[in-house]
């Protein structure tokens, strides 16, 4: 049986969130958008980070959504300094 344990990870940096929900966006804790659809963006600027053996230092990562009922999906092209690896989270 394959080991299904997720790699160790850690991130330190800045996060900017902007969306159409009322204050205290429930989407950030797996709730439904207050307007019935999610239109927003989350951008991380990582000072330091690691995912398993992969260093994430200095990367910028963004997730932008315009979906009904908070069906979040990353549709942004990848960060140019990041290498393409297996998709882990959805």
N, C-alpha and C. Protein backbone atom coordinates (compact mmCIF):
# COMPACT_ATOMS: atom_id res chain seq x y z
N UNK A 1 0.83 -1.17 0.00
CA UNK A 1 0.00 0.00 0.00
C UNK A 1 0.88 1.25 0.00
N UNK A 2 0.51 2.23 -0.84
CA UNK A 2 1.28 3.47 -0.94
C UNK A 2 1.08 4.34 0.30
N UNK A 3 2.13 5.06 0.66
CA UNK A 3 2.05 5.99 1.79
C UNK A 3 1.24 7.21 1.34
N UNK A 4 0.13 7.49 2.01
CA UNK A 4 -0.74 8.61 1.64
C UNK A 4 -0.58 9.81 2.57
N UNK A 5 0.40 9.77 3.44
CA UNK A 5 0.63 10.89 4.35
C UNK A 5 1.13 12.10 3.58
N UNK A 6 0.52 13.26 3.83
CA UNK A 6 0.92 14.50 3.16
C UNK A 6 2.31 14.92 3.63
N UNK A 7 3.11 15.50 2.73
CA UNK A 7 4.43 15.99 3.13
C UNK A 7 4.32 17.10 4.17
N UNK A 8 5.35 17.26 4.98
CA UNK A 8 5.39 18.36 5.94
C UNK A 8 5.47 19.67 5.17
N UNK A 9 4.78 20.69 5.67
CA UNK A 9 4.82 21.98 5.01
C UNK A 9 4.74 23.10 6.03
N UNK A 10 5.22 24.28 5.60
CA UNK A 10 5.20 25.47 6.44
C UNK A 10 5.36 26.68 5.54
N UNK A 11 4.63 27.76 5.85
CA UNK A 11 4.74 29.00 5.08
C UNK A 11 4.77 30.18 6.03
N UNK A 12 5.58 31.20 5.68
CA UNK A 12 5.62 32.45 6.43
C UNK A 12 5.65 33.57 5.39
N UNK A 13 4.76 34.54 5.56
CA UNK A 13 4.73 35.64 4.61
C UNK A 13 3.50 36.49 4.79
N UNK A 14 3.08 37.11 3.71
CA UNK A 14 1.94 38.02 3.73
C UNK A 14 0.80 37.44 2.90
N UNK A 15 -0.43 37.71 3.34
CA UNK A 15 -1.62 37.28 2.63
C UNK A 15 -2.55 38.46 2.44
N UNK A 16 -3.03 38.63 1.21
CA UNK A 16 -4.01 39.66 0.90
C UNK A 16 -5.26 38.95 0.37
N UNK A 17 -6.42 39.29 0.96
CA UNK A 17 -7.69 38.69 0.55
C UNK A 17 -8.65 39.82 0.18
N UNK A 18 -9.31 39.67 -0.95
CA UNK A 18 -10.35 40.61 -1.35
C UNK A 18 -11.46 39.81 -2.03
N UNK A 19 -12.70 40.00 -1.55
CA UNK A 19 -13.81 39.25 -2.14
C UNK A 19 -15.12 40.01 -1.98
N UNK A 20 -16.18 39.45 -2.54
CA UNK A 20 -17.49 40.09 -2.51
C UNK A 20 -18.34 39.68 -1.31
N UNK A 21 -17.82 38.88 -0.40
CA UNK A 21 -18.57 38.48 0.80
C UNK A 21 -18.66 39.64 1.80
N UNK A 22 -19.59 39.52 2.71
CA UNK A 22 -19.63 40.44 3.83
C UNK A 22 -18.38 40.22 4.67
N UNK A 23 -18.11 41.16 5.60
CA UNK A 23 -16.92 41.06 6.45
C UNK A 23 -16.88 39.71 7.17
N UNK A 24 -15.72 39.10 7.22
CA UNK A 24 -15.56 37.79 7.87
C UNK A 24 -15.93 36.67 6.92
N UNK A 25 -15.46 36.74 5.71
CA UNK A 25 -15.79 35.79 4.63
C UNK A 25 -15.88 34.35 5.12
N UNK A 26 -17.06 33.72 5.02
CA UNK A 26 -17.20 32.33 5.47
C UNK A 26 -16.47 31.33 4.59
N UNK A 27 -16.10 31.72 3.38
CA UNK A 27 -15.39 30.81 2.47
C UNK A 27 -14.04 30.38 3.05
N UNK A 28 -13.43 31.26 3.85
CA UNK A 28 -12.12 30.97 4.43
C UNK A 28 -12.16 29.85 5.46
N UNK A 29 -13.36 29.49 5.90
CA UNK A 29 -13.51 28.38 6.85
C UNK A 29 -14.50 27.36 6.30
N UNK A 30 -14.45 27.15 4.96
CA UNK A 30 -15.27 26.18 4.25
C UNK A 30 -16.76 26.44 4.32
N UNK A 31 -17.16 27.71 4.48
CA UNK A 31 -18.57 28.07 4.47
C UNK A 31 -19.00 28.50 3.07
N UNK A 32 -20.26 28.84 2.93
CA UNK A 32 -20.82 29.32 1.66
C UNK A 32 -20.67 30.83 1.56
N UNK A 33 -20.44 31.37 0.37
CA UNK A 33 -20.34 32.82 0.19
C UNK A 33 -21.62 33.52 0.63
N UNK A 34 -21.49 34.69 1.22
CA UNK A 34 -22.67 35.41 1.72
C UNK A 34 -23.55 35.92 0.58
N UNK A 35 -23.01 36.05 -0.63
CA UNK A 35 -23.79 36.53 -1.77
C UNK A 35 -24.28 35.40 -2.67
N UNK A 36 -23.94 34.14 -2.34
CA UNK A 36 -24.35 33.01 -3.17
C UNK A 36 -23.35 32.63 -4.24
N UNK A 37 -22.37 33.49 -4.49
CA UNK A 37 -21.31 33.16 -5.44
C UNK A 37 -20.01 33.76 -4.93
N UNK A 38 -18.91 33.16 -5.29
CA UNK A 38 -17.60 33.61 -4.84
C UNK A 38 -16.92 34.38 -5.96
N UNK A 39 -16.58 35.61 -5.66
CA UNK A 39 -15.79 36.43 -6.57
C UNK A 39 -14.71 37.10 -5.74
N UNK A 40 -13.50 36.58 -5.83
CA UNK A 40 -12.44 37.14 -5.00
C UNK A 40 -11.07 36.61 -5.34
N UNK A 41 -10.12 37.07 -4.56
CA UNK A 41 -8.75 36.65 -4.78
C UNK A 41 -7.98 36.56 -3.48
N UNK A 42 -7.07 35.62 -3.43
CA UNK A 42 -6.18 35.39 -2.30
C UNK A 42 -4.77 35.35 -2.88
N UNK A 43 -3.90 36.21 -2.38
CA UNK A 43 -2.53 36.26 -2.87
C UNK A 43 -1.56 36.15 -1.70
N UNK A 44 -0.64 35.22 -1.80
CA UNK A 44 0.38 35.00 -0.78
C UNK A 44 1.73 35.43 -1.33
N UNK A 45 2.48 36.18 -0.54
CA UNK A 45 3.87 36.51 -0.85
C UNK A 45 4.69 35.79 0.22
N UNK A 46 5.35 34.73 -0.16
CA UNK A 46 6.05 33.89 0.81
C UNK A 46 7.46 34.40 1.06
N UNK A 47 7.75 34.69 2.31
CA UNK A 47 9.12 35.02 2.71
C UNK A 47 9.91 33.72 2.82
N UNK A 48 9.30 32.74 3.47
CA UNK A 48 9.90 31.43 3.65
C UNK A 48 8.81 30.38 3.50
N UNK A 49 9.17 29.24 2.99
CA UNK A 49 8.20 28.17 2.90
C UNK A 49 8.85 26.88 2.45
N UNK A 50 8.20 25.78 2.80
CA UNK A 50 8.68 24.46 2.40
C UNK A 50 7.49 23.53 2.27
N UNK A 51 7.51 22.68 1.27
CA UNK A 51 6.51 21.63 1.08
C UNK A 51 7.29 20.36 0.78
N UNK A 52 7.40 19.50 1.78
CA UNK A 52 8.26 18.33 1.63
C UNK A 52 9.69 18.76 1.41
N UNK A 53 10.28 18.36 0.29
CA UNK A 53 11.66 18.75 -0.05
C UNK A 53 11.73 20.01 -0.91
N UNK A 54 10.59 20.61 -1.22
CA UNK A 54 10.54 21.76 -2.12
C UNK A 54 10.54 23.06 -1.33
N UNK A 55 11.54 23.92 -1.61
CA UNK A 55 11.60 25.24 -0.96
C UNK A 55 10.69 26.20 -1.72
N UNK A 56 9.92 26.98 -0.98
CA UNK A 56 8.97 27.93 -1.56
C UNK A 56 9.39 29.38 -1.31
N UNK A 57 10.58 29.60 -0.76
CA UNK A 57 11.05 30.93 -0.40
C UNK A 57 10.94 31.89 -1.59
N UNK A 58 10.33 33.06 -1.35
CA UNK A 58 10.27 34.11 -2.35
C UNK A 58 9.18 33.97 -3.40
N UNK A 59 8.38 32.92 -3.34
CA UNK A 59 7.34 32.75 -4.35
C UNK A 59 6.11 33.58 -4.04
N UNK A 60 5.38 33.94 -5.08
CA UNK A 60 4.06 34.56 -4.95
C UNK A 60 3.05 33.58 -5.53
N UNK A 61 1.97 33.37 -4.79
CA UNK A 61 0.96 32.39 -5.18
C UNK A 61 -0.39 33.09 -5.14
N UNK A 62 -1.21 32.87 -6.15
CA UNK A 62 -2.52 33.49 -6.17
C UNK A 62 -3.61 32.51 -6.53
N UNK A 63 -4.77 32.71 -5.94
CA UNK A 63 -5.97 31.96 -6.27
C UNK A 63 -7.05 32.99 -6.53
N UNK A 64 -7.68 32.92 -7.68
CA UNK A 64 -8.71 33.88 -8.04
C UNK A 64 -9.93 33.09 -8.46
N UNK A 65 -11.09 33.48 -7.94
CA UNK A 65 -12.30 32.71 -8.17
C UNK A 65 -13.44 33.60 -8.64
N UNK A 66 -14.22 33.06 -9.52
CA UNK A 66 -15.51 33.65 -9.91
C UNK A 66 -16.41 32.44 -10.17
N UNK A 67 -16.90 31.89 -9.09
CA UNK A 67 -17.62 30.62 -9.15
C UNK A 67 -18.91 30.71 -8.37
N UNK A 68 -19.87 29.92 -8.74
CA UNK A 68 -21.11 29.84 -7.98
C UNK A 68 -20.87 28.97 -6.74
N UNK A 69 -21.48 29.29 -5.68
CA UNK A 69 -21.45 28.51 -4.44
C UNK A 69 -20.05 28.20 -3.93
N UNK A 70 -19.06 29.00 -4.26
CA UNK A 70 -17.72 28.81 -3.70
C UNK A 70 -16.97 27.60 -4.24
N UNK A 71 -17.27 27.16 -5.47
CA UNK A 71 -16.54 26.06 -6.07
C UNK A 71 -15.19 26.59 -6.54
N UNK A 72 -14.24 26.74 -5.62
CA UNK A 72 -12.96 27.39 -5.91
C UNK A 72 -12.10 26.53 -6.82
N UNK A 73 -11.48 27.17 -7.78
CA UNK A 73 -10.55 26.50 -8.67
C UNK A 73 -9.49 27.50 -9.10
N UNK A 74 -8.24 27.08 -9.15
CA UNK A 74 -7.15 27.95 -9.56
C UNK A 74 -7.06 27.92 -11.08
N UNK A 75 -7.32 29.06 -11.70
CA UNK A 75 -7.29 29.14 -13.16
C UNK A 75 -6.15 30.07 -13.63
N UNK A 76 -5.28 30.45 -12.72
CA UNK A 76 -4.19 31.37 -13.03
C UNK A 76 -2.98 30.58 -13.52
N UNK A 77 -2.26 31.10 -14.51
CA UNK A 77 -1.01 30.45 -14.91
C UNK A 77 -0.04 30.38 -13.74
N UNK A 78 0.82 29.42 -13.74
CA UNK A 78 1.76 29.19 -12.65
C UNK A 78 2.79 30.29 -12.47
N UNK A 79 3.34 30.38 -11.29
CA UNK A 79 4.40 31.33 -10.97
C UNK A 79 5.61 30.95 -11.80
N UNK A 80 6.22 31.89 -12.53
CA UNK A 80 7.31 31.54 -13.43
C UNK A 80 8.51 30.87 -12.77
N UNK A 81 8.76 31.17 -11.47
CA UNK A 81 9.91 30.56 -10.80
C UNK A 81 9.58 29.19 -10.21
N UNK A 82 8.31 28.80 -10.21
CA UNK A 82 7.91 27.52 -9.63
C UNK A 82 7.99 26.43 -10.71
N UNK A 83 8.39 25.25 -10.31
CA UNK A 83 8.40 24.14 -11.24
C UNK A 83 7.05 23.43 -11.16
N UNK A 84 6.66 22.81 -12.24
CA UNK A 84 5.37 22.12 -12.28
C UNK A 84 5.53 20.77 -11.59
N UNK A 85 4.77 20.55 -10.53
CA UNK A 85 4.82 19.29 -9.79
C UNK A 85 3.44 18.69 -9.71
N UNK A 86 3.28 17.62 -8.95
CA UNK A 86 1.97 17.00 -8.83
C UNK A 86 0.99 17.92 -8.11
N UNK A 87 -0.25 17.87 -8.53
CA UNK A 87 -1.30 18.65 -7.87
C UNK A 87 -1.69 17.93 -6.60
N UNK A 88 -1.66 18.64 -5.48
CA UNK A 88 -1.90 18.00 -4.19
C UNK A 88 -3.24 18.40 -3.60
N UNK A 89 -3.60 19.66 -3.68
CA UNK A 89 -4.83 20.14 -3.03
C UNK A 89 -5.80 20.66 -4.06
N UNK A 90 -7.05 20.45 -3.83
CA UNK A 90 -8.12 20.96 -4.72
C UNK A 90 -9.18 21.60 -3.88
